Structure formats: C-alpha cells, structure tokens
Amino acid sequence: MLEDKNQSRTSLSELGEFGLINHITKHFKINHASTVKAVGDDAAVLDASEQQTLVTTDLLIEGVHFDLSYMPLKHLGYKSVMVNLSDVYAMNGNAEQITVSIAVSNRFPLEAIEELYAGIQLACETYNVDLIGGDTTSSTKGILISVTAIGKAAKEDVVYRSGAKDTDLVVVSGDLGAAYLGLQVLEREKQVFQVNPNNQPELDQYTYLIERQLKPEARKDVPKLLKELEVKPTSMIDISDGLSSEIMHICSQSKVGCKIYEEKIPLDPQVISACEEFDIDSTMVALSGGEDYELLFTVSIDDYEKIKGNPHLTVIGHITEQNQGMNLVTRANQEIELKAQGWNALKG
C-alpha cells in the first residue's frame, strides 16, 4: 500500500553484513563527549562519569507491534527510538546513546533499510543522541527491531516508581488516548483499502491521532521543565500501556493506593470526537489505550503551587494509603477499582 513497485531494489546480500552496517551508519554524527568510540569496533566505548547510568531496551516485532501496510519505515525507525528514550526520561534522566539491532527477511531491499535508518537518524538528531552500535541479521519472515537506550542522571536526580507517598499529587504530561484512536483509524482504513484498493482514505480530521500513533514524541522537555520549576517527582513512569496500568505499577512499587478523577483526565478534542464516532468510552481509551509516551508522575502536595496552571501538566488525582486501593472516581462521584487490562471495547 505504501511501496512504490517501480523503485530500484538492492539486495542486502550484495553488501553483506559489514557492508550494510557501514552503509547505514556512515551519516550518523557523534555529539556526546561520553561517547569515546561508537560504531566500528568490537564494542562501543563510553566514558563512565560520576553520574549514574540508565539502560533500557525494547523489542519491536512486525505483526505484533507494528503493521507495515500503514506504518512507513521511516516512521517505524523514529518510533523505535522514541519508545526507548521515553523510558530514560521517565527516570528523570537524559538519553545520550542508543544501539539498534535489526533482523530482516530478504523481502526488504537496501532501500527499505535506508528508509528505516533515516527515521532513526532523524530521532538521533532531534533528541541529540549518538548511535553507537548494534547488529544486523536475517529473519525468516518480517522485521524485528531492538533498540537499547543509555542515559545519565545525577544520583540525587534519579526518580523510581517506588517513591510515591500518601497525599502526593498524581500528574500527567500532555493528553491521553490519541495514539490508540490513531491505530483504530488506520486499521479501519486498511480494511476499506483491502475491499477497494482504489478508495482514497480521507484522514484530515484525524491528523493528530495518526501522528500520535505513527510518530510519537518522547517527553524530553518534562524532566527539564520540572528542574526549572524546582520540583523533583517522588515517582515517575512513562505511559506505554495505558494510564491505568502505569499508575498501578507506581502504586504497587510504592505500596500505596490512589484516586484518579475521570473529569481531570486530559483529552484532545479529536479524541473526544473520534470516541463518539467509534462509540468507545473516552475514559476507557485513556485508561487502557497505551502508546501515548507521556510521563505520569507524583509530586509532593507542597509542590502544587509550582506546577498549578502549567499548560504541559495536569493534576489528575492523588495518592492514598495502600488499604484504600486504586480507584477511578467517576464524573458521577462513584469509585471504581482500576484494572490493568483493557476493557472488552479495547480488545482485539
């Protein structure tokens, strides 16, 4: 659906593994003094500073995590970096390096891999991270991408999931649910296309939703913003699996409960209108949709004045004692126990 059948195709076997690595990494620049040696030796060399090192890895598999019938390879490369950088920022750190390993089947020519790495390179340039290594190998079917991100933070700045305390405020960056709805729009258009390949999708009204799904941005700005506001979160996590699942991780690790207020959950107008169109509850989408890559964190109630009214942050609830459980307070003022799993409306 996205492939130009007439474009030239160079078989990966013509280059071989080392030729491929050299070809796809030659335009990457090094920006960090901590990167002593990047691609080109048996191992990368990083300068061990006095700061603590943060390491995170994600694996993305075709047919499980992405569908190439509507996910352009350049976007896929970009997104595969974002999901890792987001985890570093969720520790209140700064990402400095990544490694990228891919397994590809012979249905992908060199030009496809160039597209993938163009997205990776754009992510590296935009977020100021160095590509320092990885691996390439063959796959019997499809494409697999594994990215590892390495970051730094001063010991006193690192934020874990385990520090939330009773009366802390629960805060989220940005807005929620758009990425899930973007996926629903793309899946629907894919089905329409399969029935009638001549049908041109009209996606103008879903621009924000689709961008949130295909080209998410990690919230590098939030740790910086919090530092400027002189606020250190007591706990933090990124929203990859949905708000409900993530706040439950924090509560479990911190041995606390929470109350999340339905009316406080930030939703973009496109999310609200798409939920009406798809006949899905917008709160359920925010709680269980996932892939928003916003940051969810807790702060001391004493810091409320510092964050109040900030356009990037929304207070959506507060931490309670563990015996009060983890609850959603509905608009009708009823308390419903939070569940980590998506509701039936979100399954499949």
Protein backbone atom coordinates (compact mmCIF):
# COMPACT_ATOMS: atom_id res chain seq x y z
CA MET A 1 0.00 0.00 0.00
CA LEU A 2 2.94 2.33 0.68
CA GLU A 3 5.52 0.69 -1.57
CA ASP A 4 6.43 2.03 -4.97
CA LYS A 5 6.76 -1.12 -7.08
CA ASN A 6 8.91 0.70 -9.62
CA GLN A 7 11.64 1.89 -7.29
CA SER A 8 15.06 0.30 -7.56
CA ARG A 9 15.78 -2.58 -5.20
CA THR A 10 19.25 -3.52 -3.99
CA SER A 11 19.51 -6.92 -2.35
CA LEU A 12 21.05 -6.86 1.13
CA SER A 13 23.14 -9.89 0.21
CA GLU A 14 25.06 -7.71 -2.28
CA LEU A 15 26.51 -5.69 0.61
CA GLY A 16 26.95 -8.35 3.28
CA GLU A 17 26.57 -7.62 6.99
CA PHE A 18 29.57 -5.33 7.47
CA GLY A 19 28.96 -3.50 4.23
CA LEU A 20 25.36 -2.92 5.33
CA ILE A 21 26.40 -1.61 8.77
CA ASN A 22 28.94 0.75 7.20
CA HIS A 23 26.40 1.91 4.63
CA ILE A 24 23.57 2.68 7.06
CA THR A 25 25.69 4.27 9.80
CA LYS A 26 28.09 6.44 7.80
CA HIS A 27 25.96 9.61 8.12
CA PHE A 28 25.44 9.42 11.89
CA LYS A 29 27.33 12.09 13.84
CA ILE A 30 28.62 11.85 17.42
CA ASN A 31 27.52 14.62 19.81
CA HIS A 32 28.40 13.49 23.33
CA ALA A 33 31.82 13.65 24.97
CA SER A 34 30.83 10.48 26.86
CA THR A 35 30.89 8.58 23.52
CA VAL A 36 34.58 7.67 23.20
CA LYS A 37 34.10 5.08 20.43
CA ALA A 38 30.87 4.43 18.55
CA VAL A 39 30.28 2.06 15.61
CA GLY A 40 33.26 0.29 14.04
CA ASP A 41 34.99 -1.79 16.71
CA ASP A 42 34.22 -4.91 18.75
CA ALA A 43 32.41 -2.82 21.34
CA ALA A 44 31.47 0.82 21.86
CA VAL A 45 33.42 2.75 24.50
CA LEU A 46 31.63 5.15 26.84
CA ASP A 47 33.20 7.41 29.41
CA ALA A 48 31.96 6.41 32.89
CA SER A 49 31.18 9.73 34.53
CA GLU A 50 30.28 10.40 38.13
CA GLN A 51 26.62 10.25 37.14
CA GLN A 52 24.52 7.10 37.25
CA THR A 53 23.97 5.23 34.00
CA LEU A 54 20.42 4.37 32.87
CA VAL A 55 19.91 1.49 30.42
CA THR A 56 16.65 0.39 28.78
CA THR A 57 15.75 -1.95 25.89
CA ASP A 58 12.65 -2.56 23.77
CA LEU A 59 11.95 -5.11 21.07
CA LEU A 60 9.50 -4.35 18.25
CA ILE A 61 8.25 -7.20 16.05
CA GLU A 62 6.37 -6.91 12.75
CA GLY A 63 2.83 -8.23 13.07
CA VAL A 64 2.88 -7.80 16.86
CA HIS A 65 3.95 -4.20 17.47
CA PHE A 66 3.53 -2.66 14.02
CA ASP A 67 1.88 -3.21 10.64
CA LEU A 68 3.88 -2.09 7.60
CA SER A 69 0.75 -1.74 5.47
CA TYR A 70 0.26 1.67 7.12
CA MET A 71 3.44 2.26 9.15
CA PRO A 72 6.07 3.86 6.87
CA LEU A 73 9.56 2.51 7.57
CA LYS A 74 10.93 5.98 8.32
CA HIS A 75 8.24 6.45 10.97
CA LEU A 76 8.98 2.99 12.35
CA GLY A 77 12.66 3.86 12.77
CA TYR A 78 11.75 7.08 14.55
CA LYS A 79 9.18 5.43 16.83
CA SER A 80 11.52 2.57 17.76
CA VAL A 81 13.93 5.16 19.19
CA MET A 82 11.17 7.15 20.93
CA VAL A 83 9.85 4.20 22.95
CA ASN A 84 13.31 3.78 24.48
CA LEU A 85 14.15 7.44 25.06
CA SER A 86 10.81 7.76 26.84
CA ASP A 87 11.95 5.22 29.45
CA VAL A 88 15.12 7.23 30.14
CA TYR A 89 13.14 10.44 30.60
CA ALA A 90 10.79 8.52 32.91
CA MET A 91 13.79 8.01 35.22
CA ASN A 92 14.33 11.81 35.18
CA GLY A 93 17.48 11.28 33.12
CA ASN A 94 18.96 12.46 29.85
CA ALA A 95 19.43 9.98 26.99
CA GLU A 96 22.86 10.09 25.32
CA GLN A 97 23.37 6.91 23.25
CA ILE A 98 21.41 4.15 21.52
CA THR A 99 22.23 0.81 19.93
CA VAL A 100 20.00 -0.57 17.17
CA SER A 101 19.76 -4.23 16.17
CA ILE A 102 17.59 -5.41 13.31
CA ALA A 103 16.64 -8.75 11.79
CA VAL A 104 15.19 -8.53 8.27
CA SER A 105 13.89 -11.02 5.74
CA ASN A 106 15.02 -10.99 2.12
CA ARG A 107 11.79 -9.26 1.08
CA PHE A 108 13.38 -5.99 2.28
CA PRO A 109 15.82 -4.38 -0.16
CA LEU A 110 18.58 -1.99 0.90
CA GLU A 111 16.35 0.98 0.05
CA ALA A 112 13.85 -0.11 2.72
CA ILE A 113 16.59 -0.35 5.35
CA GLU A 114 17.82 3.12 4.31
CA GLU A 115 14.31 4.45 5.00
CA LEU A 116 14.24 2.79 8.42
CA TYR A 117 17.62 4.27 9.33
CA ALA A 118 16.61 7.70 8.02
CA GLY A 119 13.94 7.68 10.74
CA ILE A 120 16.46 6.51 13.34
CA GLN A 121 18.87 9.25 12.26
CA LEU A 122 16.15 11.91 12.47
CA ALA A 123 15.37 10.76 16.02
CA CYS A 124 19.06 10.88 16.95
CA GLU A 125 19.43 14.41 15.58
CA THR A 126 16.19 15.70 17.10
CA TYR A 127 16.87 14.27 20.55
CA ASN A 128 20.66 14.66 20.50
CA VAL A 129 21.60 11.01 20.99
CA ASP A 130 24.52 9.04 19.48
CA LEU A 131 24.10 5.75 17.61
CA ILE A 132 26.97 3.68 18.99
CA GLY A 133 26.38 0.15 17.72
CA GLY A 134 24.01 -2.76 17.20
CA ASP A 135 23.69 -5.76 14.96
CA THR A 136 22.07 -6.83 11.71
CA THR A 137 20.98 -10.34 10.88
CA SER A 138 18.49 -12.17 8.71
CA SER A 139 14.97 -13.16 9.70
CA THR A 140 12.84 -15.92 8.20
CA LYS A 141 9.89 -13.53 7.96
CA GLY A 142 9.30 -9.88 8.61
CA ILE A 143 11.40 -7.39 10.52
CA LEU A 144 12.44 -7.18 14.18
CA ILE A 145 13.99 -4.09 15.77
CA SER A 146 15.68 -3.99 19.15
CA VAL A 147 16.83 -0.62 20.48
CA THR A 148 18.77 -0.02 23.68
CA ALA A 149 18.99 3.49 25.08
CA ILE A 150 21.68 4.63 27.51
CA GLY A 151 21.25 7.74 29.61
CA LYS A 152 22.72 9.58 32.56
CA ALA A 153 21.41 11.25 35.68
CA ALA A 154 22.95 12.55 38.86
CA LYS A 155 22.30 10.11 41.71
CA GLU A 156 20.12 12.63 43.53
CA ASP A 157 18.01 13.26 40.39
CA VAL A 158 17.04 9.66 39.51
CA VAL A 159 13.32 9.00 40.04
CA TYR A 160 11.98 5.47 40.56
CA ARG A 161 8.46 4.05 40.54
CA SER A 162 8.73 3.34 44.25
CA GLY A 163 8.75 6.77 45.92
CA ALA A 164 5.07 7.83 45.91
CA LYS A 165 3.66 8.75 49.34
CA ASP A 166 0.16 9.23 50.76
CA THR A 167 -1.24 12.72 49.81
CA ASP A 168 1.17 13.11 46.84
CA LEU A 169 -0.48 14.53 43.73
CA VAL A 170 -0.73 12.41 40.56
CA VAL A 171 0.31 14.42 37.47
CA VAL A 172 0.39 13.62 33.76
CA SER A 173 2.02 15.46 30.85
CA GLY A 174 0.17 16.19 27.61
CA ASP A 175 -3.06 14.37 26.78
CA LEU A 176 -4.06 10.71 26.60
CA GLY A 177 -5.77 8.24 24.28
CA ALA A 178 -4.89 9.74 20.89
CA ALA A 179 -2.39 7.03 19.86
CA TYR A 180 -4.92 4.24 20.42
CA LEU A 181 -7.54 6.04 18.36
CA GLY A 182 -4.99 6.72 15.63
CA LEU A 183 -4.48 2.96 15.46
CA GLN A 184 -8.25 2.39 15.17
CA VAL A 185 -8.47 4.87 12.29
CA LEU A 186 -5.54 3.24 10.46
CA GLU A 187 -6.93 -0.27 10.99
CA ARG A 188 -10.31 0.83 9.63
CA GLU A 189 -8.73 2.44 6.56
CA LYS A 190 -6.67 -0.71 5.98
CA GLN A 191 -9.86 -2.80 5.89
CA VAL A 192 -11.52 -0.34 3.49
CA PHE A 193 -8.41 -0.45 1.27
CA GLN A 194 -8.45 -4.27 1.22
CA VAL A 195 -12.05 -4.23 -0.01
CA ASN A 196 -11.45 -1.45 -2.55
CA PRO A 197 -7.80 -0.57 -3.35
CA ASN A 198 -8.98 2.45 -5.37
CA ASN A 199 -10.57 4.03 -2.34
CA GLN A 200 -8.56 7.03 -1.13
CA PRO A 201 -8.62 7.48 2.64
CA GLU A 202 -9.80 10.84 4.00
CA LEU A 203 -7.71 11.35 7.10
CA ASP A 204 -7.62 15.15 7.50
CA GLN A 205 -9.87 15.15 10.57
CA TYR A 206 -7.66 12.52 12.26
CA THR A 207 -4.26 14.18 11.73
CA TYR A 208 -3.36 14.47 15.42
CA LEU A 209 -4.49 10.93 16.24
CA ILE A 210 -2.49 9.37 13.39
CA GLU A 211 0.61 11.41 14.20
CA ARG A 212 0.43 10.24 17.83
CA GLN A 213 0.36 6.63 16.61
CA LEU A 214 2.90 6.79 13.77
CA LYS A 215 5.29 9.46 15.06
CA PRO A 216 5.11 9.77 18.84
CA GLU A 217 7.44 12.16 20.63
CA ALA A 218 9.21 11.28 23.89
CA ARG A 219 8.84 13.94 26.60
CA LYS A 220 12.44 15.08 26.93
CA ASP A 221 11.09 18.50 27.89
CA VAL A 222 9.35 17.34 31.09
CA PRO A 223 12.41 16.49 33.26
CA LYS A 224 13.91 19.83 32.13
CA LEU A 225 10.68 21.67 32.95
CA LEU A 226 10.46 20.07 36.40
CA LYS A 227 14.04 21.07 37.14
CA GLU A 228 13.27 24.67 36.17
CA LEU A 229 10.20 24.59 38.44
CA GLU A 230 12.38 23.13 41.23
CA VAL A 231 10.14 20.10 41.52
CA LYS A 232 11.53 16.59 41.94
CA PRO A 233 8.89 13.91 41.36
CA THR A 234 8.53 11.30 44.09
CA SER A 235 7.84 8.61 41.45
CA MET A 236 7.59 8.51 37.66
CA ILE A 237 6.79 6.18 34.74
CA ASP A 238 6.06 6.60 31.04
CA ILE A 239 2.63 5.77 29.63
CA SER A 240 3.24 2.98 27.14
CA ASP A 241 0.50 0.56 28.26
CA GLY A 242 -2.25 2.96 29.33
CA LEU A 243 -2.80 5.22 32.33
CA SER A 244 -4.46 2.52 34.43
CA SER A 245 -1.65 0.00 34.08
CA GLU A 246 1.03 2.63 34.76
CA ILE A 247 -0.49 4.14 37.91
CA MET A 248 -0.94 0.58 39.19
CA HIS A 249 2.80 -0.01 38.67
CA ILE A 250 3.58 3.08 40.72
CA CYS A 251 1.12 2.11 43.47
CA SER A 252 2.41 -1.46 43.59
CA GLN A 253 6.08 -0.42 43.75
CA SER A 254 5.38 2.38 46.25
CA LYS A 255 2.95 0.31 48.37
CA VAL A 256 0.22 2.96 48.18
CA GLY A 257 -3.28 3.44 46.75
CA CYS A 258 -4.64 6.20 44.53
CA LYS A 259 -7.69 8.11 43.41
CA ILE A 260 -7.76 9.18 39.76
CA TYR A 261 -10.53 11.61 38.80
CA GLU A 262 -12.24 10.87 35.49
CA GLU A 263 -13.12 14.54 34.88
CA LYS A 264 -9.45 15.56 35.24
CA ILE A 265 -8.02 13.21 32.57
CA PRO A 266 -6.71 15.42 29.71
CA LEU A 267 -8.23 14.58 26.31
CA ASP A 268 -7.66 16.26 22.94
CA PRO A 269 -10.86 17.36 21.11
CA GLN A 270 -10.01 14.92 18.28
CA VAL A 271 -10.01 12.11 20.85
CA ILE A 272 -13.45 13.08 22.11
CA SER A 273 -14.98 13.30 18.62
CA ALA A 274 -13.33 10.05 17.44
CA CYS A 275 -14.61 8.25 20.54
CA GLU A 276 -18.13 9.36 19.68
CA GLU A 277 -17.64 8.17 16.08
CA PHE A 278 -16.26 4.77 17.12
CA ASP A 279 -18.75 4.53 20.01
CA ILE A 280 -15.97 3.98 22.57
CA ASP A 281 -15.82 5.48 26.04
CA SER A 282 -13.07 8.13 26.07
CA THR A 283 -12.13 7.40 29.68
CA MET A 284 -11.55 3.73 28.85
CA VAL A 285 -9.37 4.75 25.90
CA ALA A 286 -7.24 6.98 28.15
CA LEU A 287 -7.01 4.31 30.86
CA SER A 288 -6.20 1.36 28.62
CA GLY A 289 -5.24 2.60 25.14
CA GLY A 290 -1.48 2.95 25.62
CA GLU A 291 1.34 4.18 23.37
CA ASP A 292 0.88 7.80 24.46
CA TYR A 293 4.50 8.05 25.75
CA GLU A 294 3.50 10.83 28.12
CA LEU A 295 5.04 10.93 31.60
CA LEU A 296 2.99 10.04 34.67
CA PHE A 297 4.45 11.12 37.98
CA THR A 298 3.71 12.01 41.57
CA VAL A 299 4.80 15.14 43.41
CA SER A 300 4.55 16.28 47.00
CA ILE A 301 1.38 18.27 47.69
CA ASP A 302 3.73 21.08 48.81
CA ASP A 303 4.77 21.50 45.17
CA TYR A 304 1.22 22.14 43.93
CA GLU A 305 1.73 25.91 43.61
CA LYS A 306 4.81 25.34 41.42
CA ILE A 307 3.01 23.19 38.84
CA LYS A 308 -0.50 24.67 39.08
CA GLY A 309 -1.70 26.09 35.78
CA ASN A 310 1.25 24.82 33.75
CA PRO A 311 -0.09 24.08 30.22
CA HIS A 312 2.06 20.93 29.88
CA LEU A 313 0.94 19.30 33.15
CA THR A 314 -2.39 18.16 34.59
CA VAL A 315 -3.11 17.04 38.15
CA ILE A 316 -5.44 14.05 37.74
CA GLY A 317 -5.62 12.65 41.26
CA HIS A 318 -3.77 11.89 44.45
CA ILE A 319 -2.04 9.06 46.29
CA THR A 320 -3.81 7.39 49.25
CA GLU A 321 -2.85 4.81 51.81
CA GLN A 322 -2.50 1.30 50.40
CA ASN A 323 -5.58 -0.07 52.17
CA GLN A 324 -7.81 2.36 50.26
CA GLY A 325 -6.99 0.61 46.98
CA MET A 326 -6.51 2.00 43.47
CA ASN A 327 -9.67 3.71 42.25
CA LEU A 328 -11.16 5.81 39.49
CA VAL A 329 -13.59 8.45 40.74
CA THR A 330 -16.22 8.86 38.00
CA ARG A 331 -17.98 12.06 36.99
CA ALA A 332 -20.95 10.75 38.99
CA ASN A 333 -18.64 10.57 42.04
CA GLN A 334 -18.63 6.77 42.14
CA GLU A 335 -15.41 4.93 42.91
CA ILE A 336 -14.47 2.07 40.56
CA GLU A 337 -11.47 -0.15 41.13
CA LEU A 338 -8.81 0.35 38.47
CA LYS A 339 -7.94 -2.63 36.29
CA ALA A 340 -4.66 -3.12 34.44
CA GLN A 341 -6.28 -4.87 31.47
CA GLY A 342 -8.08 -3.14 28.64
CA TRP A 343 -11.85 -3.31 28.70
CA ASN A 344 -13.59 -5.54 26.14
CA ALA A 345 -14.16 -2.50 23.92
CA LEU A 346 -10.37 -2.27 23.54
CA LYS A 347 -9.61 -5.92 22.94
CA GLY A 348 -8.61 -7.39 19.59
